[in-house]
Amino acid sequence: MLLDSAPTGREPDRHSRVSTLLELRDLSLGYGSTQVLNSLNLTVGDGEIVALLGPSGSGKSTLLNAVAGFLPIHSGEILLAGRNIATPRKAEPPERRDIAFVFQDYGLWPHLTALDTVAYPLRRRGVRRGRARDQARDILDRLGIGALADRKPAQLSGGEQQRVGLARAMAREAAVYLFDEPTAHLDAPLRDLFLAELAARRRESGAAAIYATHDAAEALGLADRVALLIGGRVIQNGSPQQLYSEPVSVEAARLTGPASLLNGTQSRILVRPDWVRLGGDRTGVVVDVWFRGSYTDYVLRTSEGELLVRTAAPPAHERGEQVRWSLDRCWPLPNTEAACD
């Protein structure tokens, strides 16, 4: 028999302690006859970063483009700082919304240098040319690319272009920043560097942000709150810890990281690989072993189902070997009889 009780403690909801800055109410839109967002509701608090986590085609980019003013909405409304900026009948243009966008494909102008690209939003705010260029150079320096100020996009690597895009957004000094999978084209070292820079710059500015990604580790590590998006709807919304530990469905669980589904006493239960220990009163047979560098994954065949176990050590067991295991915790999923056919 598996653990028959679920954890009852919940993380305090940071969002409940901050005022709402951006609000999407019953938002729906699509392309032609294809509906992309379906009566979606979402709020972003002042100074809060909300991650949109979902697979390709879930509506993440569409949502960001609607908030930015690049797409008209079919129904619902968008409010920024209490001001209605979009309805089906009337919408403020993008340049009048206090919003900055960091695109997945960088969105840099090919004829402008990095310096002029970053200075552009400053000039739009009325900053004189010399002062705007000085401020732009300072932003580029803080992102470690000041030496590239005179280069155009064709002369920059993907990681460098992404930093220029971030610098341009920083120069905007917006109330809300929108990030559309900005690390999608970066390798692992550059991605980690970019995320560290993004987190630091956002803390400095105190601005709010929506960060769209399909990477669970990015969403859980960066955000104050995570909204899981499937088929144009938010299926769960909460702190990273809550979504990882207490998913509302199998679908939500698989979006937020690896998990096993085992047969409990009355229902199917969720087990994360870090909730399992080798050694204990249960037995299983090693089906697969995967050495990941800093940890090792084992797949065990057990009487309760197939189980993924993660240990912070090099491989110590081989395929076909019988091992013992135990659970530190588990999470009973609601309505799993229907979801886990």
C-alpha atoms as a PDB file:
ATOM      1  CA  MET A   1       0.000   0.000   0.000  1.00  0.00           C
ATOM      2  CA  LEU A   2       1.272   3.491  -0.871  1.00  0.00           C
ATOM      3  CA  LEU A   3       1.105   6.615   1.259  1.00  0.00           C
ATOM      4  CA  ASP A   4      -2.571   7.370   1.836  1.00  0.00           C
ATOM      5  CA  SER A   5      -2.390  11.021   2.839  1.00  0.00           C
ATOM      6  CA  ALA A   6      -1.572  14.132   0.845  1.00  0.00           C
ATOM      7  CA  PRO A   7       0.409  17.140   2.079  1.00  0.00           C
ATOM      8  CA  THR A   8      -1.905  19.784   3.468  1.00  0.00           C
ATOM      9  CA  GLY A   9       0.416  22.783   3.830  1.00  0.00           C
ATOM     10  CA  ARG A  10       0.244  25.415   1.120  1.00  0.00           C
ATOM     11  CA  GLU A  11       2.675  28.160   0.228  1.00  0.00           C
ATOM     12  CA  PRO A  12       1.460  31.690   1.011  1.00  0.00           C
ATOM     13  CA  ASP A  13       0.109  33.270  -2.166  1.00  0.00           C
ATOM     14  CA  ARG A  14       2.402  36.232  -2.927  1.00  0.00           C
ATOM     15  CA  HIS A  15      -0.072  37.445  -5.549  1.00  0.00           C
ATOM     16  CA  SER A  16      -2.680  38.044  -2.841  1.00  0.00           C
ATOM     17  CA  ARG A  17      -0.365  40.612  -1.274  1.00  0.00           C
ATOM     18  CA  VAL A  18       0.189  42.758  -4.390  1.00  0.00           C
ATOM     19  CA  SER A  19      -2.157  45.010  -6.337  1.00  0.00           C
ATOM     20  CA  THR A  20      -3.314  43.958  -9.788  1.00  0.00           C
ATOM     21  CA  LEU A  21      -1.520  45.775 -12.610  1.00  0.00           C
ATOM     22  CA  LEU A  22      -2.641  43.822 -15.679  1.00  0.00           C
ATOM     23  CA  GLU A  23      -5.935  41.970 -15.982  1.00  0.00           C
ATOM     24  CA  LEU A  24      -7.298  39.797 -18.785  1.00  0.00           C
ATOM     25  CA  ARG A  25     -11.034  39.194 -18.425  1.00  0.00           C
ATOM     26  CA  ASP A  26     -12.811  36.438 -20.397  1.00  0.00           C
ATOM     27  CA  LEU A  27     -10.377  36.960 -23.266  1.00  0.00           C
ATOM     28  CA  SER A  28     -11.142  35.119 -26.517  1.00  0.00           C
ATOM     29  CA  LEU A  29      -9.611  35.436 -29.969  1.00  0.00           C
ATOM     30  CA  GLY A  30      -8.459  33.370 -32.905  1.00  0.00           C
ATOM     31  CA  TYR A  31      -7.547  33.296 -36.554  1.00  0.00           C
ATOM     32  CA  GLY A  32     -10.423  32.805 -38.989  1.00  0.00           C
ATOM     33  CA  SER A  33     -12.532  29.925 -37.698  1.00  0.00           C
ATOM     34  CA  THR A  34      -9.767  28.675 -35.397  1.00  0.00           C
ATOM     35  CA  GLN A  35     -10.258  29.688 -31.774  1.00  0.00           C
ATOM     36  CA  VAL A  36      -6.920  30.130 -29.943  1.00  0.00           C
ATOM     37  CA  LEU A  37      -7.856  31.717 -26.602  1.00  0.00           C
ATOM     38  CA  ASN A  38     -11.096  30.676 -24.934  1.00  0.00           C
ATOM     39  CA  SER A  39     -12.604  32.899 -22.210  1.00  0.00           C
ATOM     40  CA  LEU A  40      -9.185  33.203 -20.603  1.00  0.00           C
ATOM     41  CA  ASN A  41      -8.747  35.016 -17.291  1.00  0.00           C
ATOM     42  CA  LEU A  42      -5.361  36.069 -15.923  1.00  0.00           C
ATOM     43  CA  THR A  43      -3.972  38.768 -13.640  1.00  0.00           C
ATOM     44  CA  VAL A  44      -0.451  40.075 -13.090  1.00  0.00           C
ATOM     45  CA  GLY A  45       0.387  41.919  -9.893  1.00  0.00           C
ATOM     46  CA  ASP A  46       2.489  45.037  -9.620  1.00  0.00           C
ATOM     47  CA  GLY A  47       6.148  43.938  -9.784  1.00  0.00           C
ATOM     48  CA  GLU A  48       5.208  40.290 -10.306  1.00  0.00           C
ATOM     49  CA  ILE A  49       6.544  37.928 -12.963  1.00  0.00           C
ATOM     50  CA  VAL A  50       4.023  35.384 -14.230  1.00  0.00           C
ATOM     51  CA  ALA A  51       5.215  32.505 -16.398  1.00  0.00           C
ATOM     52  CA  LEU A  52       2.927  31.131 -19.102  1.00  0.00           C
ATOM     53  CA  LEU A  53       3.867  27.466 -19.363  1.00  0.00           C
ATOM     54  CA  GLY A  54       2.407  25.398 -22.162  1.00  0.00           C
ATOM     55  CA  PRO A  55       3.237  23.348 -25.262  1.00  0.00           C
ATOM     56  CA  SER A  56       3.512  24.748 -28.774  1.00  0.00           C
ATOM     57  CA  GLY A  57       0.095  25.808 -30.024  1.00  0.00           C
ATOM     58  CA  SER A  58      -1.367  26.395 -26.568  1.00  0.00           C
ATOM     59  CA  GLY A  59      -1.862  30.120 -27.205  1.00  0.00           C
ATOM     60  CA  LYS A  60       1.103  31.669 -25.389  1.00  0.00           C
ATOM     61  CA  SER A  61       2.323  33.888 -28.233  1.00  0.00           C
ATOM     62  CA  THR A  62      -1.223  34.827 -29.190  1.00  0.00           C
ATOM     63  CA  LEU A  63      -1.907  35.984 -25.634  1.00  0.00           C
ATOM     64  CA  LEU A  64       1.233  38.134 -25.555  1.00  0.00           C
ATOM     65  CA  ASN A  65       0.462  39.693 -28.929  1.00  0.00           C
ATOM     66  CA  ALA A  66      -3.053  40.547 -27.772  1.00  0.00           C
ATOM     67  CA  VAL A  67      -1.729  42.211 -24.614  1.00  0.00           C
ATOM     68  CA  ALA A  68       0.828  44.159 -26.651  1.00  0.00           C
ATOM     69  CA  GLY A  69      -1.863  45.366 -29.049  1.00  0.00           C
ATOM     70  CA  PHE A  70      -0.692  43.486 -32.146  1.00  0.00           C
ATOM     71  CA  LEU A  71      -3.857  41.351 -32.358  1.00  0.00           C
ATOM     72  CA  PRO A  72      -7.502  42.404 -31.942  1.00  0.00           C
ATOM     73  CA  ILE A  73      -9.572  40.492 -29.408  1.00  0.00           C
ATOM     74  CA  HIS A  74     -12.921  38.862 -30.222  1.00  0.00           C
ATOM     75  CA  SER A  75     -14.442  39.104 -26.754  1.00  0.00           C
ATOM     76  CA  GLY A  76     -13.500  40.116 -23.245  1.00  0.00           C
ATOM     77  CA  GLU A  77     -11.252  42.995 -22.214  1.00  0.00           C
ATOM     78  CA  ILE A  78      -7.701  43.861 -21.175  1.00  0.00           C
ATOM     79  CA  LEU A  79      -7.026  46.334 -18.376  1.00  0.00           C
ATOM     80  CA  LEU A  80      -3.689  47.945 -17.511  1.00  0.00           C
ATOM     81  CA  ALA A  81      -3.418  49.809 -14.205  1.00  0.00           C
ATOM     82  CA  GLY A  82      -7.215  49.901 -14.114  1.00  0.00           C
ATOM     83  CA  ARG A  83      -7.454  51.447 -17.597  1.00  0.00           C
ATOM     84  CA  ASN A  84      -9.266  49.521 -20.305  1.00  0.00           C
ATOM     85  CA  ILE A  85      -6.800  49.184 -23.188  1.00  0.00           C
ATOM     86  CA  ALA A  86      -8.614  46.613 -25.343  1.00  0.00           C
ATOM     87  CA  THR A  87     -12.165  45.508 -26.097  1.00  0.00           C
ATOM     88  CA  PRO A  88     -13.624  44.033 -29.302  1.00  0.00           C
ATOM     89  CA  ARG A  89     -14.803  47.523 -30.278  1.00  0.00           C
ATOM     90  CA  LYS A  90     -11.922  49.735 -29.232  1.00  0.00           C
ATOM     91  CA  ALA A  91      -8.229  49.232 -28.509  1.00  0.00           C
ATOM     92  CA  GLU A  92      -5.293  51.473 -27.746  1.00  0.00           C
ATOM     93  CA  PRO A  93      -2.436  51.149 -30.280  1.00  0.00           C
ATOM     94  CA  PRO A  94       0.745  49.342 -29.135  1.00  0.00           C
ATOM     95  CA  GLU A  95       2.764  52.544 -28.827  1.00  0.00           C
ATOM     96  CA  ARG A  96       0.310  53.960 -26.283  1.00  0.00           C
ATOM     97  CA  ARG A  97       0.406  50.910 -24.030  1.00  0.00           C
ATOM     98  CA  ASP A  98       2.999  50.976 -21.276  1.00  0.00           C
ATOM     99  CA  ILE A  99       4.315  47.593 -22.428  1.00  0.00           C
ATOM    100  CA  ALA A 100       7.642  46.309 -23.802  1.00  0.00           C
ATOM    101  CA  PHE A 101       7.983  43.134 -25.894  1.00  0.00           C
ATOM    102  CA  VAL A 102      11.020  40.833 -26.156  1.00  0.00           C
ATOM    103  CA  PHE A 103      10.410  38.650 -29.205  1.00  0.00           C
ATOM    104  CA  GLN A 104      11.436  35.040 -29.732  1.00  0.00           C
ATOM    105  CA  ASP A 105      13.017  35.964 -33.074  1.00  0.00           C
ATOM    106  CA  TYR A 106      14.708  39.054 -31.549  1.00  0.00           C
ATOM    107  CA  GLY A 107      12.843  41.525 -33.823  1.00  0.00           C
ATOM    108  CA  LEU A 108      15.898  43.724 -34.444  1.00  0.00           C
ATOM    109  CA  TRP A 109      16.014  46.255 -37.269  1.00  0.00           C
ATOM    110  CA  PRO A 110      18.709  45.127 -39.740  1.00  0.00           C
ATOM    111  CA  HIS A 111      19.813  48.664 -40.633  1.00  0.00           C
ATOM    112  CA  LEU A 112      20.407  49.873 -37.050  1.00  0.00           C
ATOM    113  CA  THR A 113      23.419  49.271 -34.853  1.00  0.00           C
ATOM    114  CA  ALA A 114      22.958  47.805 -31.395  1.00  0.00           C
ATOM    115  CA  LEU A 115      23.444  51.275 -29.917  1.00  0.00           C
ATOM    116  CA  ASP A 116      20.834  52.928 -32.120  1.00  0.00           C
ATOM    117  CA  THR A 117      18.417  50.032 -31.563  1.00  0.00           C
ATOM    118  CA  VAL A 118      18.544  50.518 -27.799  1.00  0.00           C
ATOM    119  CA  ALA A 119      18.466  54.321 -28.107  1.00  0.00           C
ATOM    120  CA  TYR A 120      15.320  54.223 -30.270  1.00  0.00           C
ATOM    121  CA  PRO A 121      12.721  53.854 -27.465  1.00  0.00           C
ATOM    122  CA  LEU A 122      14.516  56.558 -25.506  1.00  0.00           C
ATOM    123  CA  ARG A 123      14.285  58.925 -28.471  1.00  0.00           C
ATOM    124  CA  ARG A 124      10.581  58.073 -28.766  1.00  0.00           C
ATOM    125  CA  ARG A 125      10.162  59.235 -25.170  1.00  0.00           C
ATOM    126  CA  GLY A 126      11.693  62.588 -26.083  1.00  0.00           C
ATOM    127  CA  VAL A 127      15.224  62.056 -24.787  1.00  0.00           C
ATOM    128  CA  ARG A 128      17.747  64.057 -26.800  1.00  0.00           C
ATOM    129  CA  ARG A 129      19.937  62.096 -29.218  1.00  0.00           C
ATOM    130  CA  GLY A 130      23.218  62.411 -27.312  1.00  0.00           C
ATOM    131  CA  ARG A 131      21.629  61.607 -23.962  1.00  0.00           C
ATOM    132  CA  ALA A 132      19.700  58.705 -25.462  1.00  0.00           C
ATOM    133  CA  ARG A 133      22.891  57.198 -26.887  1.00  0.00           C
ATOM    134  CA  ASP A 134      24.666  57.613 -23.542  1.00  0.00           C
ATOM    135  CA  GLN A 135      21.854  55.831 -21.716  1.00  0.00           C
ATOM    136  CA  ALA A 136      21.741  53.115 -24.380  1.00  0.00           C
ATOM    137  CA  ARG A 137      25.479  52.520 -24.074  1.00  0.00           C
ATOM    138  CA  ASP A 138      25.113  52.211 -20.301  1.00  0.00           C
ATOM    139  CA  ILE A 139      22.409  49.545 -20.708  1.00  0.00           C
ATOM    140  CA  LEU A 140      24.542  47.611 -23.207  1.00  0.00           C
ATOM    141  CA  ASP A 141      27.493  47.796 -20.798  1.00  0.00           C
ATOM    142  CA  ARG A 142      25.383  46.386 -17.966  1.00  0.00           C
ATOM    143  CA  LEU A 143      24.447  43.451 -20.192  1.00  0.00           C
ATOM    144  CA  GLY A 144      28.084  42.828 -21.082  1.00  0.00           C
ATOM    145  CA  ILE A 145      27.816  43.792 -24.745  1.00  0.00           C
ATOM    146  CA  GLY A 146      28.984  47.407 -24.714  1.00  0.00           C
ATOM    147  CA  ALA A 147      31.838  46.508 -27.049  1.00  0.00           C
ATOM    148  CA  LEU A 148      29.273  45.473 -29.676  1.00  0.00           C
ATOM    149  CA  ALA A 149      27.476  48.835 -29.726  1.00  0.00           C
ATOM    150  CA  ASP A 150      28.426  49.664 -33.323  1.00  0.00           C
ATOM    151  CA  ARG A 151      27.519  46.292 -34.808  1.00  0.00           C
ATOM    152  CA  LYS A 152      24.375  45.550 -36.784  1.00  0.00           C
ATOM    153  CA  PRO A 153      22.296  42.361 -36.259  1.00  0.00           C
ATOM    154  CA  ALA A 154      24.017  40.461 -39.088  1.00  0.00           C
ATOM    155  CA  GLN A 155      27.304  40.908 -37.214  1.00  0.00           C
ATOM    156  CA  LEU A 156      25.965  39.505 -33.936  1.00  0.00           C
ATOM    157  CA  SER A 157      25.497  35.943 -32.694  1.00  0.00           C
ATOM    158  CA  GLY A 158      22.075  34.713 -31.608  1.00  0.00           C
ATOM    159  CA  GLY A 159      22.911  35.229 -27.944  1.00  0.00           C
ATOM    160  CA  GLU A 160      24.198  38.727 -28.612  1.00  0.00           C
ATOM    161  CA  GLN A 161      21.084  39.616 -30.597  1.00  0.00           C
ATOM    162  CA  GLN A 162      18.928  38.370 -27.739  1.00  0.00           C
ATOM    163  CA  ARG A 163      20.768  40.631 -25.301  1.00  0.00           C
ATOM    164  CA  VAL A 164      20.267  43.601 -27.623  1.00  0.00           C
ATOM    165  CA  GLY A 165      16.556  42.788 -27.680  1.00  0.00           C
ATOM    166  CA  LEU A 166      16.516  42.719 -23.874  1.00  0.00           C
ATOM    167  CA  ALA A 167      18.463  46.003 -23.752  1.00  0.00           C
ATOM    168  CA  ARG A 168      15.932  47.659 -26.063  1.00  0.00           C
ATOM    169  CA  ALA A 169      13.102  46.475 -23.800  1.00  0.00           C
ATOM    170  CA  MET A 170      14.924  47.786 -20.722  1.00  0.00           C
ATOM    171  CA  ALA A 171      15.292  51.177 -22.377  1.00  0.00           C
ATOM    172  CA  ARG A 172      11.533  51.273 -22.800  1.00  0.00           C
ATOM    173  CA  GLU A 173      11.084  51.448 -18.989  1.00  0.00           C
ATOM    174  CA  ALA A 174       7.643  49.923 -19.305  1.00  0.00           C
ATOM    175  CA  ALA A 175       5.189  48.925 -16.596  1.00  0.00           C
ATOM    176  CA  VAL A 176       4.887  45.402 -18.050  1.00  0.00           C
ATOM    177  CA  TYR A 177       7.409  43.349 -20.021  1.00  0.00           C
ATOM    178  CA  LEU A 178       6.348  40.519 -22.334  1.00  0.00           C
ATOM    179  CA  PHE A 179       8.824  37.740 -23.126  1.00  0.00           C
ATOM    180  CA  ASP A 180       7.940  35.295 -25.907  1.00  0.00           C
ATOM    181  CA  GLU A 181      10.188  32.240 -25.352  1.00  0.00           C
ATOM    182  CA  PRO A 182      13.311  34.443 -25.497  1.00  0.00           C
ATOM    183  CA  THR A 183      15.740  31.558 -24.858  1.00  0.00           C
ATOM    184  CA  ALA A 184      14.312  29.227 -27.520  1.00  0.00           C
ATOM    185  CA  HIS A 185      17.316  29.678 -29.838  1.00  0.00           C
ATOM    186  CA  LEU A 186      20.055  29.840 -27.199  1.00  0.00           C
ATOM    187  CA  ASP A 187      22.310  27.022 -26.072  1.00  0.00           C
ATOM    188  CA  ALA A 188      22.360  26.033 -22.393  1.00  0.00           C
ATOM    189  CA  PRO A 189      25.206  28.306 -21.135  1.00  0.00           C
ATOM    190  CA  LEU A 190      23.830  31.385 -22.920  1.00  0.00           C
ATOM    191  CA  ARG A 191      20.305  30.566 -21.752  1.00  0.00           C
ATOM    192  CA  ASP A 192      21.390  30.427 -18.111  1.00  0.00           C
ATOM    193  CA  LEU A 193      23.300  33.690 -18.490  1.00  0.00           C
ATOM    194  CA  PHE A 194      20.356  35.396 -20.148  1.00  0.00           C
ATOM    195  CA  LEU A 195      17.934  34.243 -17.438  1.00  0.00           C
ATOM    196  CA  ALA A 196      20.268  35.486 -14.696  1.00  0.00           C
ATOM    197  CA  GLU A 197      20.531  38.864 -16.433  1.00  0.00           C
ATOM    198  CA  LEU A 198      16.785  39.040 -16.936  1.00  0.00           C
ATOM    199  CA  ALA A 199      16.082  38.299 -13.276  1.00  0.00           C
ATOM    200  CA  ALA A 200      18.607  40.895 -12.113  1.00  0.00           C
ATOM    201  CA  ARG A 201      17.365  43.623 -14.461  1.00  0.00           C
ATOM    202  CA  ARG A 202      13.732  42.995 -13.525  1.00  0.00           C
ATOM    203  CA  ARG A 203      14.548  43.231  -9.815  1.00  0.00           C
ATOM    204  CA  GLU A 204      16.268  46.555 -10.461  1.00  0.00           C
ATOM    205  CA  SER A 205      13.337  48.006 -12.385  1.00  0.00           C
ATOM    206  CA  GLY A 206      10.542  46.545 -10.245  1.00  0.00           C
ATOM    207  CA  ALA A 207       8.464  46.048 -13.397  1.00  0.00           C
ATOM    208  CA  ALA A 208       5.928  43.287 -13.904  1.00  0.00           C
ATOM    209  CA  ALA A 209       6.368  40.653 -16.610  1.00  0.00           C
ATOM    210  CA  ILE A 210       4.702  37.787 -18.449  1.00  0.00           C
ATOM    211  CA  TYR A 211       7.230  35.166 -19.537  1.00  0.00           C
ATOM    212  CA  ALA A 212       6.003  32.605 -22.079  1.00  0.00           C
ATOM    213  CA  THR A 213       7.892  29.319 -22.262  1.00  0.00           C
ATOM    214  CA  HIS A 214       7.472  25.595 -22.844  1.00  0.00           C
ATOM    215  CA  ASP A 215      10.386  24.839 -20.496  1.00  0.00           C
ATOM    216  CA  ALA A 216       9.209  23.817 -17.018  1.00  0.00           C
ATOM    217  CA  ALA A 217      12.574  24.508 -15.369  1.00  0.00           C
ATOM    218  CA  GLU A 218      12.578  28.078 -16.721  1.00  0.00           C
ATOM    219  CA  ALA A 219       9.034  28.747 -15.584  1.00  0.00           C
ATOM    220  CA  LEU A 220       9.442  27.268 -12.100  1.00  0.00           C
ATOM    221  CA  GLY A 221      12.820  28.888 -11.502  1.00  0.00           C
ATOM    222  CA  LEU A 222      12.074  32.391 -12.772  1.00  0.00           C
ATOM    223  CA  ALA A 223       8.475  33.182 -11.924  1.00  0.00           C
ATOM    224  CA  ASP A 224       6.603  34.329  -8.832  1.00  0.00           C
ATOM    225  CA  ARG A 225       3.542  32.589 -10.240  1.00  0.00           C
ATOM    226  CA  VAL A 226       2.949  30.101 -13.061  1.00  0.00           C
ATOM    227  CA  ALA A 227      -0.137  29.768 -15.266  1.00  0.00           C
ATOM    228  CA  LEU A 228      -0.468  26.472 -17.144  1.00  0.00           C
ATOM    229  CA  LEU A 229      -1.949  27.044 -20.592  1.00  0.00           C
ATOM    230  CA  ILE A 230      -3.589  24.241 -22.586  1.00  0.00           C
ATOM    231  CA  GLY A 231      -5.856  24.749 -25.582  1.00  0.00           C
ATOM    232  CA  GLY A 232      -6.202  28.466 -24.925  1.00  0.00           C
ATOM    233  CA  ARG A 233      -7.301  28.022 -21.316  1.00  0.00           C
ATOM    234  CA  VAL A 234      -5.508  28.354 -17.985  1.00  0.00           C
ATOM    235  CA  ILE A 235      -5.890  24.929 -16.343  1.00  0.00           C
ATOM    236  CA  GLN A 236      -3.953  25.810 -13.165  1.00  0.00           C
ATOM    237  CA  ASN A 237      -2.508  28.982 -11.694  1.00  0.00           C
ATOM    238  CA  GLY A 238      -0.350  29.242  -8.574  1.00  0.00           C
ATOM    239  CA  SER A 239       3.115  29.419  -7.090  1.00  0.00           C
ATOM    240  CA  PRO A 240       5.858  27.301  -8.705  1.00  0.00           C
ATOM    241  CA  GLN A 241       6.034  25.140  -5.578  1.00  0.00           C
ATOM    242  CA  GLN A 242       2.293  24.527  -5.557  1.00  0.00           C
ATOM    243  CA  LEU A 243       2.099  23.605  -9.233  1.00  0.00           C
ATOM    244  CA  TYR A 244       5.015  21.187  -8.913  1.00  0.00           C
ATOM    245  CA  SER A 245       3.762  19.550  -5.716  1.00  0.00           C
ATOM    246  CA  GLU A 246      -0.014  19.707  -6.188  1.00  0.00           C
ATOM    247  CA  PRO A 247      -0.978  19.530  -9.888  1.00  0.00           C
ATOM    248  CA  VAL A 248      -4.705  19.438 -10.583  1.00  0.00           C
ATOM    249  CA  SER A 249      -4.460  16.803 -13.315  1.00  0.00           C
ATOM    250  CA  VAL A 250      -2.143  14.431 -15.135  1.00  0.00           C
ATOM    251  CA  GLU A 251      -1.864  17.010 -17.899  1.00  0.00           C
ATOM    252  CA  ALA A 252      -0.773  19.688 -15.422  1.00  0.00           C
ATOM    253  CA  ALA A 253       1.692  17.303 -13.788  1.00  0.00           C
ATOM    254  CA  ARG A 254       3.405  16.473 -17.071  1.00  0.00           C
ATOM    255  CA  LEU A 255       3.728  20.145 -17.982  1.00  0.00           C
ATOM    256  CA  THR A 256       5.646  20.924 -14.799  1.00  0.00           C
ATOM    257  CA  GLY A 257       8.192  18.098 -14.820  1.00  0.00           C
ATOM    258  CA  PRO A 258       8.762  14.334 -14.860  1.00  0.00           C
ATOM    259  CA  ALA A 259       6.327  12.268 -12.823  1.00  0.00           C
ATOM    260  CA  SER A 260       5.175   8.696 -12.334  1.00  0.00           C
ATOM    261  CA  LEU A 261       1.581   7.551 -11.855  1.00  0.00           C
ATOM    262  CA  LEU A 262       1.156   4.670  -9.443  1.00  0.00           C
ATOM    263  CA  ASN A 263      -1.857   2.706  -8.256  1.00  0.00           C
ATOM    264  CA  GLY A 264      -2.788   3.816  -4.744  1.00  0.00           C
ATOM    265  CA  THR A 265      -5.369   2.426  -2.351  1.00  0.00           C
ATOM    266  CA  GLN A 266      -8.325   4.286  -3.876  1.00  0.00           C
ATOM    267  CA  SER A 267      -6.908   6.405  -6.665  1.00  0.00           C
ATOM    268  CA  ARG A 268      -3.944   6.956  -8.915  1.00  0.00           C
ATOM    269  CA  ILE A 269      -1.215   8.994  -7.272  1.00  0.00           C
ATOM    270  CA  LEU A 270       1.521  11.242  -8.577  1.00  0.00           C
ATOM    271  CA  VAL A 271       5.149  10.680  -7.595  1.00  0.00           C
ATOM    272  CA  ARG A 272       7.954  13.039  -8.626  1.00  0.00           C
ATOM    273  CA  PRO A 273      11.368  11.365  -9.125  1.00  0.00           C
ATOM    274  CA  ASP A 274      12.883  13.374  -6.258  1.00  0.00           C
ATOM    275  CA  TRP A 275      10.188  12.095  -3.865  1.00  0.00           C
ATOM    276  CA  VAL A 276      11.568   8.534  -4.062  1.00  0.00           C
ATOM    277  CA  ARG A 277      14.543   6.996  -2.256  1.00  0.00           C
ATOM    278  CA  LEU A 278      16.391   3.806  -3.059  1.00  0.00           C
ATOM    279  CA  GLY A 279      16.257   1.567  -0.032  1.00  0.00           C
ATOM    280  CA  GLY A 280      13.165   0.679   1.980  1.00  0.00           C
ATOM    281  CA  ASP A 281      10.429  -1.920   2.236  1.00  0.00           C
ATOM    282  CA  ARG A 282       9.237  -2.049  -1.385  1.00  0.00           C
ATOM    283  CA  THR A 283      10.894  -3.857  -4.273  1.00  0.00           C
ATOM    284  CA  GLY A 284      11.262  -3.200  -7.971  1.00  0.00           C
ATOM    285  CA  VAL A 285      13.338  -4.228 -10.960  1.00  0.00           C
ATOM    286  CA  VAL A 286      15.586  -1.755 -12.768  1.00  0.00           C
ATOM    287  CA  VAL A 287      14.321  -1.358 -16.343  1.00  0.00           C
ATOM    288  CA  ASP A 288      16.560   1.535 -17.443  1.00  0.00           C
ATOM    289  CA  VAL A 289      19.483   3.550 -16.100  1.00  0.00           C
ATOM    290  CA  TRP A 290      20.304   7.052 -17.351  1.00  0.00           C
ATOM    291  CA  PHE A 291      23.418   8.863 -16.135  1.00  0.00           C
ATOM    292  CA  ARG A 292      22.744  12.632 -16.404  1.00  0.00           C
ATOM    293  CA  GLY A 293      26.024  13.983 -15.027  1.00  0.00           C
ATOM    294  CA  SER A 294      24.937  15.573 -11.747  1.00  0.00           C
ATOM    295  CA  TYR A 295      22.325  12.874 -11.117  1.00  0.00           C
ATOM    296  CA  THR A 296      21.176   9.414 -12.250  1.00  0.00           C
ATOM    297  CA  ASP A 297      17.669   8.398 -13.318  1.00  0.00           C
ATOM    298  CA  TYR A 298      16.392   4.860 -12.780  1.00  0.00           C
ATOM    299  CA  VAL A 299      13.190   3.436 -14.205  1.00  0.00           C
ATOM    300  CA  LEU A 300      11.800   0.714 -11.941  1.00  0.00           C
ATOM    301  CA  ARG A 301       9.096  -1.848 -12.680  1.00  0.00           C
ATOM    302  CA  THR A 302       7.040  -2.237  -9.511  1.00  0.00           C
ATOM    303  CA  SER A 303       3.758  -3.882  -8.504  1.00  0.00           C
ATOM    304  CA  GLU A 304       2.180  -0.389  -8.322  1.00  0.00           C
ATOM    305  CA  GLY A 305       3.396   0.683 -11.769  1.00  0.00           C
ATOM    306  CA  GLU A 306       6.475   2.015 -13.536  1.00  0.00           C
ATOM    307  CA  LEU A 307       8.452   4.407 -11.348  1.00  0.00           C
ATOM    308  CA  LEU A 308      11.092   7.039 -12.152  1.00  0.00           C
ATOM    309  CA  VAL A 309      13.694   7.491  -9.384  1.00  0.00           C
ATOM    310  CA  ARG A 310      16.334  10.248  -9.327  1.00  0.00           C
ATOM    311  CA  THR A 311      19.495  10.037  -7.200  1.00  0.00           C
ATOM    312  CA  ALA A 312      22.310  12.582  -6.791  1.00  0.00           C
ATOM    313  CA  ALA A 313      25.004   9.973  -7.426  1.00  0.00           C
ATOM    314  CA  PRO A 314      26.624   8.025 -10.279  1.00  0.00           C
ATOM    315  CA  PRO A 315      24.902   4.787 -11.375  1.00  0.00           C
ATOM    316  CA  ALA A 316      25.047   2.112  -8.671  1.00  0.00           C
ATOM    317  CA  HIS A 317      22.594  -0.422 -10.148  1.00  0.00           C
ATOM    318  CA  GLU A 318      22.254  -2.198 -13.499  1.00  0.00           C
ATOM    319  CA  ARG A 319      19.325  -3.138 -15.711  1.00  0.00           C
ATOM    320  CA  GLY A 320      17.605  -6.268 -14.489  1.00  0.00           C
ATOM    321  CA  GLU A 321      18.760  -5.784 -10.893  1.00  0.00           C
ATOM    322  CA  GLN A 322      16.207  -5.957  -8.084  1.00  0.00           C
ATOM    323  CA  VAL A 323      16.309  -2.962  -5.746  1.00  0.00           C
ATOM    324  CA  ARG A 324      14.394  -1.662  -2.759  1.00  0.00           C
ATOM    325  CA  TRP A 325      12.698   1.718  -2.676  1.00  0.00           C
ATOM    326  CA  SER A 326      10.463   3.929  -0.535  1.00  0.00           C
ATOM    327  CA  LEU A 327       8.446   7.133  -0.859  1.00  0.00           C
ATOM    328  CA  ASP A 328       9.029  10.366   1.010  1.00  0.00           C
ATOM    329  CA  ARG A 329       5.703  11.734  -0.243  1.00  0.00           C
ATOM    330  CA  CYS A 330       3.075  11.479  -2.968  1.00  0.00           C
ATOM    331  CA  TRP A 331       0.116  13.432  -4.324  1.00  0.00           C
ATOM    332  CA  PRO A 332      -3.320  11.856  -5.036  1.00  0.00           C
ATOM    333  CA  LEU A 333      -4.660  13.241  -8.296  1.00  0.00           C
ATOM    334  CA  PRO A 334      -8.374  14.087  -8.622  1.00  0.00           C
ATOM    335  CA  ASN A 335     -10.450  12.269 -11.254  1.00  0.00           C
ATOM    336  CA  THR A 336      -7.508  10.140 -12.321  1.00  0.00           C
ATOM    337  CA  GLU A 337      -9.692   7.197 -13.243  1.00  0.00           C
ATOM    338  CA  ALA A 338     -10.823   9.203 -16.268  1.00  0.00           C
ATOM    339  CA  ALA A 339      -7.479  10.895 -16.950  1.00  0.00           C
ATOM    340  CA  CYS A 340      -5.185   7.870 -16.694  1.00  0.00           C
ATOM    341  CA  ASP A 341      -6.763   5.314 -19.042  1.00  0.00           C
END
